[in-house]
Amino acid sequence: MLKVGITGGIGSGKSLVAKLFSVLGIPVYASDQRAKWLIENNAVIISEIKEILGEEAYSLEGKYNKVFVSKAVFQNEELLKKLNQIVHPRVRQDFEDWVLVQNVPFVIKEAAIMNRNAGLDKIIVVNSPKDLRIKRLLKRDSHRDKSEIEKVISNQKTEQEFLEMADFVINNDENSLLIPQVLEINKKLTS
């Protein structure tokens, strides 16, 4: 079974493309959603996060205090590194465990952060012009302004870096149709 990654910059349309593969019956592992679940439900992760960030990292009800954690790691690169060292390996292992129970020609792992050495057989990059991504994000994330969105984009891989790791590219601009591109890649991955 092939392990196929879908990645791209924020607002590129990764989730939409993943949903299209899901409609075709391809199992999709949504890394960001799964990481959030693990952060709130995995006792080892909870304990280790509290160890580096304190009890304030979680509410009394056990909910992850994203605002507190974001402020803490935003100001301290070393804390961010430690947090990632807690969460990322657990998400990778969770994905590998999930793959073992699938019985299909290929599975999809959707993730914003992905590298060539991520243990994936193929990588699909969803590519979209920066100005269109900003426009989508302003509409989707009303709590963010343009400068915040541009800061997030500047902290991600460049368009060139994404394209360099791609086995397949899906163009998600105003002139491209997504479904035919997804169907073509699905055909190549299942034949």
Protein backbone atom coordinates (compact mmCIF):
# COMPACT_ATOMS: atom_id res chain seq x y z
CA MET A 1 0.00 0.00 0.00
CA LEU A 2 1.30 3.42 -0.94
CA LYS A 3 1.45 6.23 1.60
CA VAL A 4 0.74 9.50 -0.21
CA GLY A 5 1.08 12.94 1.34
CA ILE A 6 -0.95 16.01 0.45
CA THR A 7 0.62 19.30 1.40
CA GLY A 8 0.78 22.94 0.36
CA GLY A 9 0.77 26.37 1.87
CA ILE A 10 -1.99 27.64 4.12
CA GLY A 11 -5.09 28.43 2.06
CA SER A 12 -3.93 26.39 -0.93
CA GLY A 13 -6.83 23.93 -0.73
CA LYS A 14 -5.19 20.85 0.82
CA SER A 15 -8.29 19.92 2.79
CA LEU A 16 -10.57 20.29 -0.21
CA VAL A 17 -8.32 18.06 -2.33
CA ALA A 18 -8.16 15.51 0.50
CA LYS A 19 -11.98 15.51 0.65
CA LEU A 20 -12.12 14.80 -3.09
CA PHE A 21 -9.87 11.75 -2.61
CA SER A 22 -12.07 10.71 0.32
CA VAL A 23 -15.14 10.82 -1.96
CA LEU A 24 -13.28 8.37 -4.21
CA GLY A 25 -13.00 5.98 -1.25
CA ILE A 26 -9.40 6.76 -0.35
CA PRO A 27 -8.84 6.90 3.43
CA VAL A 28 -7.50 10.28 4.56
CA TYR A 29 -5.50 10.92 7.71
CA ALA A 30 -5.88 14.60 8.64
CA SER A 31 -2.68 15.24 10.61
CA ASP A 32 -3.67 18.59 12.13
CA GLN A 33 -7.05 17.33 13.38
CA ARG A 34 -5.51 14.14 14.70
CA ALA A 35 -2.73 16.07 16.48
CA LYS A 36 -5.38 18.20 18.23
CA TRP A 37 -7.20 15.06 19.33
CA LEU A 38 -4.01 13.44 20.64
CA ILE A 39 -3.04 16.62 22.52
CA GLU A 40 -6.32 16.47 24.42
CA ASN A 41 -6.66 12.69 24.81
CA ASN A 42 -3.22 11.07 25.04
CA ALA A 43 -2.19 10.91 28.70
CA VAL A 44 1.54 10.78 27.92
CA ILE A 45 1.36 13.86 25.67
CA ILE A 46 -0.72 15.75 28.24
CA SER A 47 1.76 14.90 31.00
CA GLU A 48 4.79 15.91 28.92
CA ILE A 49 3.20 19.19 27.78
CA LYS A 50 2.36 20.07 31.39
CA GLU A 51 5.94 19.20 32.32
CA ILE A 52 7.42 21.78 29.93
CA LEU A 53 4.67 24.43 30.03
CA GLY A 54 3.01 23.95 33.41
CA GLU A 55 -0.53 23.09 34.48
CA GLU A 56 -1.81 26.21 32.72
CA ALA A 57 -1.36 24.41 29.38
CA TYR A 58 -4.73 22.73 30.11
CA SER A 59 -7.93 24.04 31.67
CA LEU A 60 -9.38 22.46 34.81
CA GLU A 61 -11.75 20.55 32.48
CA GLY A 62 -8.77 19.09 30.63
CA LYS A 63 -9.07 21.21 27.50
CA TYR A 64 -5.87 22.28 25.78
CA ASN A 65 -5.22 25.97 26.42
CA LYS A 66 -4.19 26.88 22.89
CA VAL A 67 -4.04 30.63 23.59
CA PHE A 68 -1.67 30.17 26.54
CA VAL A 69 0.50 27.63 24.72
CA SER A 70 0.68 29.76 21.56
CA LYS A 71 1.83 32.80 23.54
CA ALA A 72 4.39 30.75 25.46
CA VAL A 73 5.98 29.10 22.42
CA PHE A 74 5.71 32.21 20.23
CA GLN A 75 8.09 33.96 22.58
CA ASN A 76 10.42 31.00 23.10
CA GLU A 77 11.80 29.02 20.18
CA GLU A 78 13.27 26.38 22.51
CA LEU A 79 9.82 25.70 24.03
CA LEU A 80 8.33 25.39 20.54
CA LYS A 81 11.02 22.87 19.64
CA LYS A 82 10.28 20.85 22.81
CA LEU A 83 6.53 20.94 22.12
CA ASN A 84 7.10 19.70 18.57
CA GLN A 85 9.36 16.93 19.89
CA ILE A 86 6.49 15.77 22.07
CA VAL A 87 3.69 15.95 19.50
CA HIS A 88 5.22 15.19 16.08
CA PRO A 89 6.66 11.71 16.81
CA ARG A 90 3.34 10.66 18.39
CA VAL A 91 1.38 11.87 15.35
CA ARG A 92 3.80 9.99 13.05
CA GLN A 93 3.31 6.80 15.07
CA ASP A 94 -0.46 7.32 15.15
CA PHE A 95 -0.43 7.60 11.34
CA GLU A 96 1.63 4.41 10.99
CA ASP A 97 -0.78 2.55 13.31
CA TRP A 98 -3.73 3.88 11.28
CA VAL A 99 -2.13 2.73 8.01
CA LEU A 100 -1.91 -0.85 9.32
CA VAL A 101 -5.70 -1.20 9.48
CA GLN A 102 -6.35 0.14 5.96
CA ASN A 103 -6.89 -2.19 3.02
CA VAL A 104 -6.67 -0.04 -0.10
CA PRO A 105 -4.14 0.65 -2.87
CA PHE A 106 -3.10 3.90 -1.20
CA VAL A 107 -3.86 6.19 1.73
CA ILE A 108 -3.58 9.96 2.03
CA LYS A 109 -1.85 11.87 4.81
CA GLU A 110 -2.84 15.53 4.76
CA ALA A 111 -0.37 17.81 6.54
CA ALA A 112 0.84 21.39 6.33
CA ILE A 113 4.33 20.37 7.45
CA MET A 114 5.82 17.67 5.28
CA ASN A 115 9.25 16.72 4.04
CA ARG A 116 10.65 14.32 1.48
CA ASN A 117 11.96 12.09 4.28
CA ALA A 118 8.56 11.78 5.98
CA GLY A 119 8.21 8.07 5.17
CA LEU A 120 5.82 8.71 2.30
CA ASP A 121 5.96 7.06 -1.10
CA LYS A 122 4.56 10.01 -3.05
CA ILE A 123 3.76 13.65 -2.31
CA ILE A 124 1.00 15.72 -3.86
CA VAL A 125 1.47 19.48 -3.58
CA VAL A 126 -1.58 21.71 -3.86
CA ASN A 127 -0.35 24.92 -5.43
CA SER A 128 -2.23 28.19 -5.40
CA PRO A 129 -1.16 31.81 -5.99
CA LYS A 130 -0.30 33.72 -2.81
CA ASP A 131 -2.81 36.52 -3.45
CA LEU A 132 -5.63 34.00 -3.91
CA ARG A 133 -4.59 32.16 -0.73
CA ILE A 134 -4.68 35.44 1.20
CA LYS A 135 -8.13 36.23 -0.21
CA ARG A 136 -9.43 32.78 0.83
CA LEU A 137 -7.93 33.08 4.31
CA LEU A 138 -9.37 36.54 4.93
CA LYS A 139 -12.78 35.07 4.15
CA ARG A 140 -12.25 31.84 6.14
CA ASP A 141 -10.33 33.16 9.16
CA SER A 142 -12.14 36.36 10.07
CA HIS A 143 -10.07 36.66 13.28
CA ARG A 144 -6.90 37.22 11.21
CA ASP A 145 -5.92 40.30 9.27
CA LYS A 146 -3.81 40.40 6.13
CA SER A 147 -0.52 41.03 7.97
CA GLU A 148 -1.08 38.01 10.25
CA ILE A 149 -1.82 35.80 7.24
CA GLU A 150 1.27 37.05 5.43
CA LYS A 151 3.35 36.27 8.53
CA VAL A 152 2.03 32.69 8.60
CA ILE A 153 2.79 32.31 4.88
CA SER A 154 6.31 33.69 5.36
CA ASN A 155 6.98 31.04 8.03
CA GLN A 156 6.03 28.20 5.67
CA LYS A 157 7.96 26.66 2.82
CA THR A 158 8.21 28.80 -0.30
CA GLU A 159 6.26 27.84 -3.41
CA GLN A 160 9.54 26.61 -4.93
CA GLU A 161 10.34 24.46 -1.87
CA PHE A 162 6.89 22.85 -2.05
CA LEU A 163 7.21 22.20 -5.78
CA GLU A 164 10.68 20.66 -5.38
CA MET A 165 9.31 17.86 -3.20
CA ALA A 166 6.25 17.17 -5.35
CA ASP A 167 5.63 13.96 -7.24
CA PHE A 168 2.31 15.45 -8.36
CA VAL A 169 1.10 19.06 -8.43
CA ILE A 170 -2.54 20.09 -8.27
CA ASN A 171 -3.09 23.66 -9.40
CA ASN A 172 -5.85 25.29 -7.40
CA ASP A 173 -6.24 28.67 -9.01
CA GLU A 174 -9.21 30.42 -10.54
CA ASN A 175 -8.61 28.83 -13.96
CA SER A 176 -8.07 25.18 -12.97
CA LEU A 177 -10.60 22.45 -12.28
CA LEU A 178 -9.71 20.28 -9.29
CA ILE A 179 -11.74 17.14 -9.99
CA PRO A 180 -10.03 16.18 -13.28
CA GLN A 181 -6.61 16.65 -11.64
CA VAL A 182 -7.59 14.48 -8.66
CA LEU A 183 -9.05 11.79 -10.94
CA GLU A 184 -5.85 11.71 -13.02
CA ILE A 185 -3.63 11.28 -9.94
CA ASN A 186 -6.01 8.66 -8.51
CA LYS A 187 -5.78 6.74 -11.79
CA LYS A 188 -1.96 6.83 -11.72
CA LEU A 189 -1.80 5.73 -8.08
CA THR A 190 -4.24 2.84 -8.51
CA SER A 191 -2.84 1.42 -11.76
